[in-house]
PDB file of N, CA and C in Angstrom:
ATOM      1  N   MET A   1       0.818  -1.201   0.000  1.00  0.00           N
ATOM      2  CA  MET A   1       0.000   0.000   0.000  1.00  0.00           C
ATOM      3  C   MET A   1       0.860   1.262   0.000  1.00  0.00           C
ATOM      4  N   LYS A   2       2.005   1.195   0.706  1.00  0.00           N
ATOM      5  CA  LYS A   2       2.862   2.379   0.796  1.00  0.00           C
ATOM      6  C   LYS A   2       3.415   2.797  -0.557  1.00  0.00           C
ATOM      7  N   GLN A   3       3.629   1.859  -1.463  1.00  0.00           N
ATOM      8  CA  GLN A   3       4.168   2.207  -2.771  1.00  0.00           C
ATOM      9  C   GLN A   3       3.136   2.933  -3.625  1.00  0.00           C
ATOM     10  N   TYR A   4       1.857   2.783  -3.324  1.00  0.00           N
ATOM     11  CA  TYR A   4       0.808   3.453  -4.093  1.00  0.00           C
ATOM     12  C   TYR A   4       0.489   4.847  -3.569  1.00  0.00           C
ATOM     13  N   LEU A   5       0.922   5.142  -2.356  1.00  0.00           N
ATOM     14  CA  LEU A   5       0.606   6.432  -1.741  1.00  0.00           C
ATOM     15  C   LEU A   5       1.159   7.623  -2.535  1.00  0.00           C
ATOM     16  N   PRO A   6       2.418   7.625  -2.987  1.00  0.00           N
ATOM     17  CA  PRO A   6       2.895   8.763  -3.792  1.00  0.00           C
ATOM     18  C   PRO A   6       2.133   8.921  -5.110  1.00  0.00           C
ATOM     19  N   VAL A   7       1.767   7.821  -5.729  1.00  0.00           N
ATOM     20  CA  VAL A   7       1.009   7.890  -6.980  1.00  0.00           C
ATOM     21  C   VAL A   7      -0.372   8.473  -6.720  1.00  0.00           C
ATOM     22  N   LEU A   8      -1.021   8.028  -5.658  1.00  0.00           N
ATOM     23  CA  LEU A   8      -2.343   8.544  -5.299  1.00  0.00           C
ATOM     24  C   LEU A   8      -2.261  10.034  -4.956  1.00  0.00           C
ATOM     25  N   ALA A   9      -1.222  10.430  -4.222  1.00  0.00           N
ATOM     26  CA  ALA A   9      -1.056  11.845  -3.873  1.00  0.00           C
ATOM     27  C   ALA A   9      -0.827  12.688  -5.117  1.00  0.00           C
ATOM     28  N   ALA A  10      -0.009  12.195  -6.039  1.00  0.00           N
ATOM     29  CA  ALA A  10       0.249  12.941  -7.279  1.00  0.00           C
ATOM     30  C   ALA A  10      -1.012  13.073  -8.112  1.00  0.00           C
ATOM     31  N   MET A  11      -1.815  12.022  -8.193  1.00  0.00           N
ATOM     32  CA  MET A  11      -3.058  12.084  -8.961  1.00  0.00           C
ATOM     33  C   MET A  11      -4.034  13.054  -8.323  1.00  0.00           C
ATOM     34  N   THR A  12      -4.112  13.058  -7.007  1.00  0.00           N
ATOM     35  CA  THR A  12      -5.020  13.958  -6.311  1.00  0.00           C
ATOM     36  C   THR A  12      -4.596  15.407  -6.494  1.00  0.00           C
ATOM     37  N   LEU A  13      -3.303  15.677  -6.323  1.00  0.00           N
ATOM     38  CA  LEU A  13      -2.819  17.053  -6.451  1.00  0.00           C
ATOM     39  C   LEU A  13      -2.875  17.558  -7.878  1.00  0.00           C
ATOM     40  N   SER A  14      -2.785  16.681  -8.846  1.00  0.00           N
ATOM     41  CA  SER A  14      -2.826  17.142 -10.236  1.00  0.00           C
ATOM     42  C   SER A  14      -4.202  17.673 -10.602  1.00  0.00           C
ATOM     43  N   GLY A  15      -5.226  17.246  -9.900  1.00  0.00           N
ATOM     44  CA  GLY A  15      -6.562  17.725 -10.175  1.00  0.00           C
ATOM     45  C   GLY A  15      -7.013  18.815  -9.230  1.00  0.00           C
ATOM     46  N   CYS A  16      -6.211  19.134  -8.255  1.00  0.00           N
ATOM     47  CA  CYS A  16      -6.583  20.131  -7.254  1.00  0.00           C
ATOM     48  C   CYS A  16      -6.706  21.510  -7.895  1.00  0.00           C
ATOM     49  N   GLY A  17      -7.814  22.182  -7.628  1.00  0.00           N
ATOM     50  CA  GLY A  17      -8.058  23.495  -8.209  1.00  0.00           C
ATOM     51  C   GLY A  17      -7.006  24.520  -7.848  1.00  0.00           C
ATOM     52  N   THR A  18      -6.520  24.484  -6.616  1.00  0.00           N
ATOM     53  CA  THR A  18      -5.514  25.445  -6.189  1.00  0.00           C
ATOM     54  C   THR A  18      -4.204  25.223  -6.924  1.00  0.00           C
ATOM     55  N   VAL A  19      -3.780  23.973  -7.020  1.00  0.00           N
ATOM     56  CA  VAL A  19      -2.538  23.670  -7.731  1.00  0.00           C
ATOM     57  C   VAL A  19      -2.665  24.083  -9.193  1.00  0.00           C
ATOM     58  N   THR A  20      -3.822  23.836  -9.780  1.00  0.00           N
ATOM     59  CA  THR A  20      -4.041  24.209 -11.177  1.00  0.00           C
ATOM     60  C   THR A  20      -3.939  25.715 -11.366  1.00  0.00           C
ATOM     61  N   THR A  21      -4.593  26.488 -10.511  1.00  0.00           N
ATOM     62  CA  THR A  21      -4.606  27.938 -10.703  1.00  0.00           C
ATOM     63  C   THR A  21      -3.290  28.599 -10.331  1.00  0.00           C
ATOM     64  N   LEU A  22      -2.544  28.030  -9.390  1.00  0.00           N
ATOM     65  CA  LEU A  22      -1.283  28.641  -8.992  1.00  0.00           C
ATOM     66  C   LEU A  22      -0.120  28.224  -9.887  1.00  0.00           C
ATOM     67  N   SER A  23      -0.242  27.088 -10.576  1.00  0.00           N
ATOM     68  CA  SER A  23       0.871  26.614 -11.391  1.00  0.00           C
ATOM     69  C   SER A  23       0.655  26.822 -12.891  1.00  0.00           C
ATOM     70  N   SER A  24      -0.534  27.230 -13.290  1.00  0.00           N
ATOM     71  CA  SER A  24      -0.826  27.438 -14.708  1.00  0.00           C
ATOM     72  C   SER A  24      -0.821  28.925 -15.034  1.00  0.00           C
ATOM     73  N   SER A  25      -0.567  29.231 -16.294  1.00  0.00           N
ATOM     74  CA  SER A  25      -0.634  30.624 -16.719  1.00  0.00           C
ATOM     75  C   SER A  25      -2.092  31.059 -16.827  1.00  0.00           C
ATOM     76  N   ASP A  26      -2.298  32.358 -16.835  1.00  0.00           N
ATOM     77  CA  ASP A  26      -3.657  32.883 -16.974  1.00  0.00           C
ATOM     78  C   ASP A  26      -4.303  32.383 -18.258  1.00  0.00           C
ATOM     79  N   GLU A  27      -3.525  32.338 -19.327  1.00  0.00           N
ATOM     80  CA  GLU A  27      -4.060  31.894 -20.620  1.00  0.00           C
ATOM     81  C   GLU A  27      -4.512  30.439 -20.571  1.00  0.00           C
ATOM     82  N   GLU A  28      -3.758  29.587 -19.863  1.00  0.00           N
ATOM     83  CA  GLU A  28      -4.131  28.172 -19.733  1.00  0.00           C
ATOM     84  C   GLU A  28      -5.420  28.016 -18.940  1.00  0.00           C
ATOM     85  N   ILE A  29      -5.559  28.787 -17.882  1.00  0.00           N
ATOM     86  CA  ILE A  29      -6.768  28.714 -17.057  1.00  0.00           C
ATOM     87  C   ILE A  29      -7.978  29.170 -17.869  1.00  0.00           C
ATOM     88  N   VAL A  30      -7.833  30.291 -18.573  1.00  0.00           N
ATOM     89  CA  VAL A  30      -8.925  30.812 -19.397  1.00  0.00           C
ATOM     90  C   VAL A  30      -9.304  29.801 -20.478  1.00  0.00           C
ATOM     91  N   ALA A  31      -8.308  29.243 -21.148  1.00  0.00           N
ATOM     92  CA  ALA A  31      -8.582  28.274 -22.213  1.00  0.00           C
ATOM     93  C   ALA A  31      -9.284  27.030 -21.670  1.00  0.00           C
ATOM     94  N   ASN A  32      -8.856  26.568 -20.509  1.00  0.00           N
ATOM     95  CA  ASN A  32      -9.462  25.375 -19.925  1.00  0.00           C
ATOM     96  C   ASN A  32     -10.918  25.615 -19.538  1.00  0.00           C
ATOM     97  N   LEU A  33     -11.197  26.740 -18.899  1.00  0.00           N
ATOM     98  CA  LEU A  33     -12.581  27.020 -18.487  1.00  0.00           C
ATOM     99  C   LEU A  33     -13.468  27.346 -19.690  1.00  0.00           C
ATOM    100  N   ASN A  34     -12.922  28.016 -20.698  1.00  0.00           N
ATOM    101  CA  ASN A  34     -13.711  28.277 -21.899  1.00  0.00           C
ATOM    102  C   ASN A  34     -13.986  26.985 -22.667  1.00  0.00           C
ATOM    103  N   LYS A  35     -13.037  26.049 -22.639  1.00  0.00           N
ATOM    104  CA  LYS A  35     -13.235  24.753 -23.284  1.00  0.00           C
ATOM    105  C   LYS A  35     -14.374  23.982 -22.620  1.00  0.00           C
ATOM    106  N   GLU A  36     -14.514  24.179 -21.313  1.00  0.00           N
ATOM    107  CA  GLU A  36     -15.578  23.520 -20.551  1.00  0.00           C
ATOM    108  C   GLU A  36     -16.909  24.267 -20.663  1.00  0.00           C
ATOM    109  N   ASN A  37     -16.944  25.375 -21.404  1.00  0.00           N
ATOM    110  CA  ASN A  37     -18.130  26.221 -21.547  1.00  0.00           C
ATOM    111  C   ASN A  37     -18.621  26.728 -20.198  1.00  0.00           C
ATOM    112  N   SER A  38     -17.702  27.209 -19.395  1.00  0.00           N
ATOM    113  CA  SER A  38     -18.057  27.732 -18.087  1.00  0.00           C
ATOM    114  C   SER A  38     -18.885  29.002 -18.243  1.00  0.00           C
ATOM    115  N   SER A  39     -19.848  29.171 -17.357  1.00  0.00           N
ATOM    116  CA  SER A  39     -20.688  30.365 -17.376  1.00  0.00           C
ATOM    117  C   SER A  39     -20.075  31.511 -16.581  1.00  0.00           C
ATOM    118  N   CYS A  40     -18.938  31.284 -15.941  1.00  0.00           N
ATOM    119  CA  CYS A  40     -18.279  32.337 -15.158  1.00  0.00           C
ATOM    120  C   CYS A  40     -17.723  33.409 -16.075  1.00  0.00           C
ATOM    121  N   GLN A  41     -17.828  34.641 -15.651  1.00  0.00           N
ATOM    122  CA  GLN A  41     -17.298  35.775 -16.402  1.00  0.00           C
ATOM    123  C   GLN A  41     -15.908  36.159 -15.932  1.00  0.00           C
ATOM    124  N   ALA A  42     -15.650  36.007 -14.628  1.00  0.00           N
ATOM    125  CA  ALA A  42     -14.352  36.348 -14.046  1.00  0.00           C
ATOM    126  C   ALA A  42     -14.102  35.434 -12.857  1.00  0.00           C
ATOM    127  N   MET A  43     -12.830  35.277 -12.528  1.00  0.00           N
ATOM    128  CA  MET A  43     -12.447  34.422 -11.408  1.00  0.00           C
ATOM    129  C   MET A  43     -11.465  35.189 -10.524  1.00  0.00           C
ATOM    130  N   PRO A  44     -11.771  35.325  -9.237  1.00  0.00           N
ATOM    131  CA  PRO A  44     -10.840  36.030  -8.360  1.00  0.00           C
ATOM    132  C   PRO A  44      -9.587  35.195  -8.130  1.00  0.00           C
ATOM    133  N   ARG A  45      -8.497  35.853  -7.822  1.00  0.00           N
ATOM    134  CA  ARG A  45      -7.248  35.140  -7.537  1.00  0.00           C
ATOM    135  C   ARG A  45      -7.213  34.665  -6.085  1.00  0.00           C
ATOM    136  N   VAL A  46      -7.919  35.352  -5.198  1.00  0.00           N
ATOM    137  CA  VAL A  46      -8.017  34.928  -3.807  1.00  0.00           C
ATOM    138  C   VAL A  46      -9.017  33.770  -3.759  1.00  0.00           C
ATOM    139  N   TYR A  47      -8.628  32.692  -3.119  1.00  0.00           N
ATOM    140  CA  TYR A  47      -9.397  31.442  -3.105  1.00  0.00           C
ATOM    141  C   TYR A  47      -9.695  30.979  -4.534  1.00  0.00           C
ATOM    142  N   SER A  48      -8.661  31.061  -5.363  1.00  0.00           N
ATOM    143  CA  SER A  48      -8.810  30.719  -6.776  1.00  0.00           C
ATOM    144  C   SER A  48      -9.102  29.242  -7.002  1.00  0.00           C
ATOM    145  N   GLY A  49      -8.629  28.375  -6.137  1.00  0.00           N
ATOM    146  CA  GLY A  49      -8.907  26.947  -6.301  1.00  0.00           C
ATOM    147  C   GLY A  49     -10.379  26.635  -6.134  1.00  0.00           C
ATOM    148  N   VAL A  50     -10.996  27.224  -5.127  1.00  0.00           N
ATOM    149  CA  VAL A  50     -12.432  27.040  -4.912  1.00  0.00           C
ATOM    150  C   VAL A  50     -13.210  27.690  -6.049  1.00  0.00           C
ATOM    151  N   ALA A  51     -12.803  28.893  -6.442  1.00  0.00           N
ATOM    152  CA  ALA A  51     -13.478  29.581  -7.548  1.00  0.00           C
ATOM    153  C   ALA A  51     -13.350  28.785  -8.840  1.00  0.00           C
ATOM    154  N   TYR A  52     -12.186  28.205  -9.091  1.00  0.00           N
ATOM    155  CA  TYR A  52     -11.961  27.392 -10.281  1.00  0.00           C
ATOM    156  C   TYR A  52     -12.911  26.187 -10.289  1.00  0.00           C
ATOM    157  N   ASN A  53     -13.020  25.520  -9.146  1.00  0.00           N
ATOM    158  CA  ASN A  53     -13.932  24.378  -9.054  1.00  0.00           C
ATOM    159  C   ASN A  53     -15.384  24.806  -9.256  1.00  0.00           C
ATOM    160  N   LEU A  54     -15.762  25.944  -8.702  1.00  0.00           N
ATOM    161  CA  LEU A  54     -17.133  26.431  -8.881  1.00  0.00           C
ATOM    162  C   LEU A  54     -17.406  26.761 -10.345  1.00  0.00           C
ATOM    163  N   CYS A  55     -16.416  27.333 -11.013  1.00  0.00           N
ATOM    164  CA  CYS A  55     -16.578  27.621 -12.445  1.00  0.00           C
ATOM    165  C   CYS A  55     -16.691  26.327 -13.247  1.00  0.00           C
ATOM    166  N   LYS A  56     -15.919  25.307 -12.861  1.00  0.00           N
ATOM    167  CA  LYS A  56     -16.027  24.014 -13.542  1.00  0.00           C
ATOM    168  C   LYS A  56     -17.412  23.398 -13.304  1.00  0.00           C
ATOM    169  N   MET A  57     -17.924  23.532 -12.069  1.00  0.00           N
ATOM    170  CA  MET A  57     -19.253  22.985 -11.771  1.00  0.00           C
ATOM    171  C   MET A  57     -20.343  23.800 -12.468  1.00  0.00           C
ATOM    172  N   ASN A  58     -20.057  25.069 -12.775  1.00  0.00           N
ATOM    173  CA  ASN A  58     -21.016  25.950 -13.417  1.00  0.00           C
ATOM    174  C   ASN A  58     -20.875  25.915 -14.945  1.00  0.00           C
ATOM    175  N   SER A  59     -20.310  24.841 -15.438  1.00  0.00           N
ATOM    176  CA  SER A  59     -20.153  24.701 -16.888  1.00  0.00           C
ATOM    177  C   SER A  59     -21.344  23.963 -17.473  1.00  0.00           C
ATOM    178  N   ASN A  60     -21.459  24.036 -18.764  1.00  0.00           N
ATOM    179  CA  ASN A  60     -22.536  23.340 -19.457  1.00  0.00           C
ATOM    180  C   ASN A  60     -22.096  21.919 -19.744  1.00  0.00           C
ATOM    181  N   GLY A  61     -22.020  21.114 -18.701  1.00  0.00           N
ATOM    182  CA  GLY A  61     -21.521  19.751 -18.835  1.00  0.00           C
ATOM    183  C   GLY A  61     -22.542  18.834 -19.487  1.00  0.00           C
ATOM    184  N   ASN A  62     -22.249  18.426 -20.684  1.00  0.00           N
ATOM    185  CA  ASN A  62     -23.106  17.479 -21.380  1.00  0.00           C
ATOM    186  C   ASN A  62     -22.524  16.076 -21.332  1.00  0.00           C
ATOM    187  N   SER A  63     -21.453  15.908 -20.587  1.00  0.00           N
ATOM    188  CA  SER A  63     -20.760  14.638 -20.534  1.00  0.00           C
ATOM    189  C   SER A  63     -21.546  13.629 -19.706  1.00  0.00           C
ATOM    190  N   ILE A  64     -21.376  12.359 -20.050  1.00  0.00           N
ATOM    191  CA  ILE A  64     -22.016  11.286 -19.285  1.00  0.00           C
ATOM    192  C   ILE A  64     -21.398  11.181 -17.898  1.00  0.00           C
ATOM    193  N   TYR A  65     -20.158  11.644 -17.766  1.00  0.00           N
ATOM    194  CA  TYR A  65     -19.454  11.588 -16.491  1.00  0.00           C
ATOM    195  C   TYR A  65     -19.662  12.844 -15.661  1.00  0.00           C
ATOM    196  N   TYR A  66     -20.485  13.756 -16.108  1.00  0.00           N
ATOM    197  CA  TYR A  66     -20.616  15.053 -15.457  1.00  0.00           C
ATOM    198  C   TYR A  66     -21.060  14.932 -14.005  1.00  0.00           C
ATOM    199  N   SER A  67     -22.030  14.074 -13.710  1.00  0.00           N
ATOM    200  CA  SER A  67     -22.516  13.959 -12.329  1.00  0.00           C
ATOM    201  C   SER A  67     -21.435  13.389 -11.414  1.00  0.00           C
ATOM    202  N   TRP A  68     -20.604  12.469 -11.926  1.00  0.00           N
ATOM    203  CA  TRP A  68     -19.504  11.937 -11.132  1.00  0.00           C
ATOM    204  C   TRP A  68     -18.475  13.033 -10.880  1.00  0.00           C
ATOM    205  N   LEU A  69     -18.184  13.831 -11.900  1.00  0.00           N
ATOM    206  CA  LEU A  69     -17.216  14.907 -11.758  1.00  0.00           C
ATOM    207  C   LEU A  69     -17.705  15.980 -10.790  1.00  0.00           C
ATOM    208  N   LEU A  70     -18.993  16.195 -10.748  1.00  0.00           N
ATOM    209  CA  LEU A  70     -19.558  17.171  -9.832  1.00  0.00           C
ATOM    210  C   LEU A  70     -19.204  16.812  -8.394  1.00  0.00           C
ATOM    211  N   GLY A  71     -19.341  15.530  -8.043  1.00  0.00           N
ATOM    212  CA  GLY A  71     -18.959  15.070  -6.710  1.00  0.00           C
ATOM    213  C   GLY A  71     -17.483  15.256  -6.439  1.00  0.00           C
ATOM    214  N   PHE A  72     -16.652  14.984  -7.446  1.00  0.00           N
ATOM    215  CA  PHE A  72     -15.206  15.185  -7.303  1.00  0.00           C
ATOM    216  C   PHE A  72     -14.899  16.652  -7.042  1.00  0.00           C
ATOM    217  N   TYR A  73     -15.530  17.559  -7.769  1.00  0.00           N
ATOM    218  CA  TYR A  73     -15.261  18.982  -7.582  1.00  0.00           C
ATOM    219  C   TYR A  73     -15.709  19.451  -6.204  1.00  0.00           C
ATOM    220  N   LEU A  74     -16.772  18.898  -5.678  1.00  0.00           N
ATOM    221  CA  LEU A  74     -17.208  19.253  -4.325  1.00  0.00           C
ATOM    222  C   LEU A  74     -16.181  18.808  -3.293  1.00  0.00           C
ATOM    223  N   ILE A  75     -15.692  17.588  -3.433  1.00  0.00           N
ATOM    224  CA  ILE A  75     -14.678  17.076  -2.505  1.00  0.00           C
ATOM    225  C   ILE A  75     -13.387  17.867  -2.653  1.00  0.00           C
ATOM    226  N   ASP A  76     -12.999  18.140  -3.894  1.00  0.00           N
ATOM    227  CA  ASP A  76     -11.768  18.883  -4.149  1.00  0.00           C
ATOM    228  C   ASP A  76     -11.863  20.307  -3.618  1.00  0.00           C
ATOM    229  N   SER A  77     -13.058  20.880  -3.600  1.00  0.00           N
ATOM    230  CA  SER A  77     -13.231  22.245  -3.104  1.00  0.00           C
ATOM    231  C   SER A  77     -12.884  22.358  -1.629  1.00  0.00           C
ATOM    232  N   VAL A  78     -13.148  21.313  -0.860  1.00  0.00           N
ATOM    233  CA  VAL A  78     -12.803  21.327   0.568  1.00  0.00           C
ATOM    234  C   VAL A  78     -11.286  21.364   0.727  1.00  0.00           C
ATOM    235  N   ALA A  79     -10.575  20.507  -0.029  1.00  0.00           N
ATOM    236  CA  ALA A  79      -9.109  20.515   0.026  1.00  0.00           C
ATOM    237  C   ALA A  79      -8.552  21.816  -0.536  1.00  0.00           C
ATOM    238  N   SER A  80      -9.169  22.322  -1.575  1.00  0.00           N
ATOM    239  CA  SER A  80      -8.716  23.578  -2.175  1.00  0.00           C
ATOM    240  C   SER A  80      -8.889  24.744  -1.209  1.00  0.00           C
ATOM    241  N   ALA A  81      -9.960  24.749  -0.437  1.00  0.00           N
ATOM    242  CA  ALA A  81     -10.176  25.833   0.528  1.00  0.00           C
ATOM    243  C   ALA A  81      -9.041  25.876   1.556  1.00  0.00           C
ATOM    244  N   ALA A  82      -8.610  24.707   2.008  1.00  0.00           N
ATOM    245  CA  ALA A  82      -7.502  24.659   2.972  1.00  0.00           C
ATOM    246  C   ALA A  82      -6.206  25.136   2.323  1.00  0.00           C
ATOM    247  N   THR A  83      -5.938  24.702   1.109  1.00  0.00           N
ATOM    248  CA  THR A  83      -4.721  25.101   0.409  1.00  0.00           C
ATOM    249  C   THR A  83      -4.772  26.579   0.035  1.00  0.00           C
ATOM    250  N   ASP A  84      -5.943  27.053  -0.371  1.00  0.00           N
ATOM    251  CA  ASP A  84      -6.102  28.476  -0.696  1.00  0.00           C
ATOM    252  C   ASP A  84      -5.825  29.352   0.522  1.00  0.00           C
ATOM    253  N   THR A  85      -6.218  28.888   1.699  1.00  0.00           N
ATOM    254  CA  THR A  85      -5.966  29.647   2.928  1.00  0.00           C
ATOM    255  C   THR A  85      -4.468  29.781   3.163  1.00  0.00           C
ATOM    256  N   ALA A  86      -3.725  28.697   2.924  1.00  0.00           N
ATOM    257  CA  ALA A  86      -2.273  28.754   3.095  1.00  0.00           C
ATOM    258  C   ALA A  86      -1.622  29.678   2.064  1.00  0.00           C
ATOM    259  N   ALA A  87      -2.234  29.802   0.895  1.00  0.00           N
ATOM    260  CA  ALA A  87      -1.669  30.623  -0.183  1.00  0.00           C
ATOM    261  C   ALA A  87      -2.162  32.072  -0.144  1.00  0.00           C
ATOM    262  N   LEU A  88      -2.915  32.450   0.882  1.00  0.00           N
ATOM    263  CA  LEU A  88      -3.495  33.797   0.943  1.00  0.00           C
ATOM    264  C   LEU A  88      -2.483  34.938   0.805  1.00  0.00           C
ATOM    265  N   PRO A  89      -1.333  34.894   1.445  1.00  0.00           N
ATOM    266  CA  PRO A  89      -0.406  36.030   1.265  1.00  0.00           C
ATOM    267  C   PRO A  89      -0.051  36.273  -0.205  1.00  0.00           C
ATOM    268  N   TYR A  90       0.188  35.217  -0.948  1.00  0.00           N
ATOM    269  CA  TYR A  90       0.517  35.370  -2.365  1.00  0.00           C
ATOM    270  C   TYR A  90      -0.700  35.800  -3.180  1.00  0.00           C
ATOM    271  N   THR A  91      -1.850  35.176  -2.950  1.00  0.00           N
ATOM    272  CA  THR A  91      -3.013  35.462  -3.789  1.00  0.00           C
ATOM    273  C   THR A  91      -3.605  36.843  -3.514  1.00  0.00           C
ATOM    274  N   VAL A  92      -3.507  37.320  -2.282  1.00  0.00           N
ATOM    275  CA  VAL A  92      -3.971  38.676  -1.983  1.00  0.00           C
ATOM    276  C   VAL A  92      -3.103  39.690  -2.730  1.00  0.00           C
ATOM    277  N   TYR A  93      -1.794  39.452  -2.735  1.00  0.00           N
ATOM    278  CA  TYR A  93      -0.893  40.324  -3.484  1.00  0.00           C
ATOM    279  C   TYR A  93      -1.215  40.270  -4.981  1.00  0.00           C
ATOM    280  N   ALA A  94      -1.385  39.060  -5.526  1.00  0.00           N
ATOM    281  CA  ALA A  94      -1.679  38.912  -6.956  1.00  0.00           C
ATOM    282  C   ALA A  94      -3.013  39.562  -7.310  1.00  0.00           C
ATOM    283  N   GLN A  95      -4.009  39.453  -6.430  1.00  0.00           N
ATOM    284  CA  GLN A  95      -5.307  40.071  -6.674  1.00  0.00           C
ATOM    285  C   GLN A  95      -5.184  41.582  -6.693  1.00  0.00           C
ATOM    286  N   SER A  96      -4.427  42.147  -5.735  1.00  0.00           N
ATOM    287  CA  SER A  96      -4.294  43.604  -5.694  1.00  0.00           C
ATOM    288  C   SER A  96      -3.468  44.128  -6.865  1.00  0.00           C
ATOM    289  N   LYS A  97      -2.506  43.335  -7.338  1.00  0.00           N
ATOM    290  CA  LYS A  97      -1.656  43.774  -8.442  1.00  0.00           C
ATOM    291  C   LYS A  97      -2.325  43.568  -9.796  1.00  0.00           C
ATOM    292  N   ASN A  98      -2.965  42.413 -10.019  1.00  0.00           N
ATOM    293  CA  ASN A  98      -3.472  42.040 -11.341  1.00  0.00           C
ATOM    294  C   ASN A  98      -4.989  42.048 -11.471  1.00  0.00           C
ATOM    295  N   GLY A  99      -5.709  42.039 -10.364  1.00  0.00           N
ATOM    296  CA  GLY A  99      -7.167  41.980 -10.421  1.00  0.00           C
ATOM    297  C   GLY A  99      -7.662  40.569 -10.709  1.00  0.00           C
ATOM    298  N   SER A 100      -8.949  40.446 -10.902  1.00  0.00           N
ATOM    299  CA  SER A 100      -9.546  39.143 -11.198  1.00  0.00           C
ATOM    300  C   SER A 100      -9.208  38.706 -12.613  1.00  0.00           C
ATOM    301  N   LEU A 101      -9.276  37.436 -12.834  1.00  0.00           N
ATOM    302  CA  LEU A 101      -8.976  36.871 -14.141  1.00  0.00           C
ATOM    303  C   LEU A 101     -10.245  36.856 -14.988  1.00  0.00           C
ATOM    304  N   ALA A 102     -10.234  37.594 -16.090  1.00  0.00           N
ATOM    305  CA  ALA A 102     -11.382  37.632 -17.002  1.00  0.00           C
ATOM    306  C   ALA A 102     -11.388  36.354 -17.826  1.00  0.00           C
ATOM    307  N   LEU A 103     -12.503  35.671 -17.860  1.00  0.00           N
ATOM    308  CA  LEU A 103     -12.552  34.369 -18.516  1.00  0.00           C
ATOM    309  C   LEU A 103     -12.980  34.426 -19.971  1.00  0.00           C
ATOM    310  N   ASN A 104     -13.620  35.478 -20.395  1.00  0.00           N
ATOM    311  CA  ASN A 104     -14.058  35.551 -21.788  1.00  0.00           C
ATOM    312  C   ASN A 104     -13.098  36.320 -22.665  1.00  0.00           C
ATOM    313  N   GLN A 105     -12.069  36.921 -22.063  1.00  0.00           N
ATOM    314  CA  GLN A 105     -11.025  37.604 -22.807  1.00  0.00           C
ATOM    315  C   GLN A 105      -9.697  37.005 -22.388  1.00  0.00           C
ATOM    316  N   SER A 106      -8.639  37.417 -23.032  1.00  0.00           N
ATOM    317  CA  SER A 106      -7.318  36.920 -22.673  1.00  0.00           C
ATOM    318  C   SER A 106      -6.546  37.907 -21.821  1.00  0.00           C
ATOM    319  N   HIS A 107      -7.239  38.873 -21.191  1.00  0.00           N
ATOM    320  CA  HIS A 107      -6.564  39.810 -20.296  1.00  0.00           C
ATOM    321  C   HIS A 107      -7.323  39.893 -18.977  1.00  0.00           C
ATOM    322  N   ASP A 108      -6.698  40.508 -18.000  1.00  0.00           N
ATOM    323  CA  ASP A 108      -7.278  40.584 -16.656  1.00  0.00           C
ATOM    324  C   ASP A 108      -8.238  41.753 -16.530  1.00  0.00           C
ATOM    325  N   VAL A 109      -9.166  41.588 -15.593  1.00  0.00           N
ATOM    326  CA  VAL A 109     -10.096  42.647 -15.242  1.00  0.00           C
ATOM    327  C   VAL A 109      -9.608  43.231 -13.925  1.00  0.00           C
ATOM    328  N   GLY A 110      -9.544  44.522 -13.801  1.00  0.00           N
ATOM    329  CA  GLY A 110      -9.011  45.139 -12.602  1.00  0.00           C
ATOM    330  C   GLY A 110     -10.050  45.438 -11.559  1.00  0.00           C
ATOM    331  N   TYR A 111     -10.727  44.416 -11.015  1.00  0.00           N
ATOM    332  CA  TYR A 111     -11.613  44.719  -9.912  1.00  0.00           C
ATOM    333  C   TYR A 111     -10.923  44.355  -8.641  1.00  0.00           C
TER     334      TYR A 111
END
C-alpha cells in the first residue's frame, strides 16, 4: 500500500483546483474554463482553487461523467479551501496587483 501512496497523492494534487490555478498561466486557465463552456465571467485570484472548481461545476456539462465529476469537484473544493488559505499572502498580493482573471477575454479585469 505504501508504494501506491505517492502515486495517489500525485493524482489527487494534479486535479486540485488550487494547484491548477497557482501553477498554470492565466491563458491556460482561461482556455481550460472556456473549453468547458463555463458560465463564469471572471475568477478572483483569492481562493482561486475554490473559484476554479465552482466555475467548472457551473459549466454546461453534457458529458455522461458530469454527475460523477460534480462530486469530485465538491470534494476537491474542501481541500482547495484549505490550500487556498495557506496561499493567501501570495493570492492577496496577486489580486491587488493584477485583479480578477477575465474568462471571456485573454486579459485581466481590474476589480
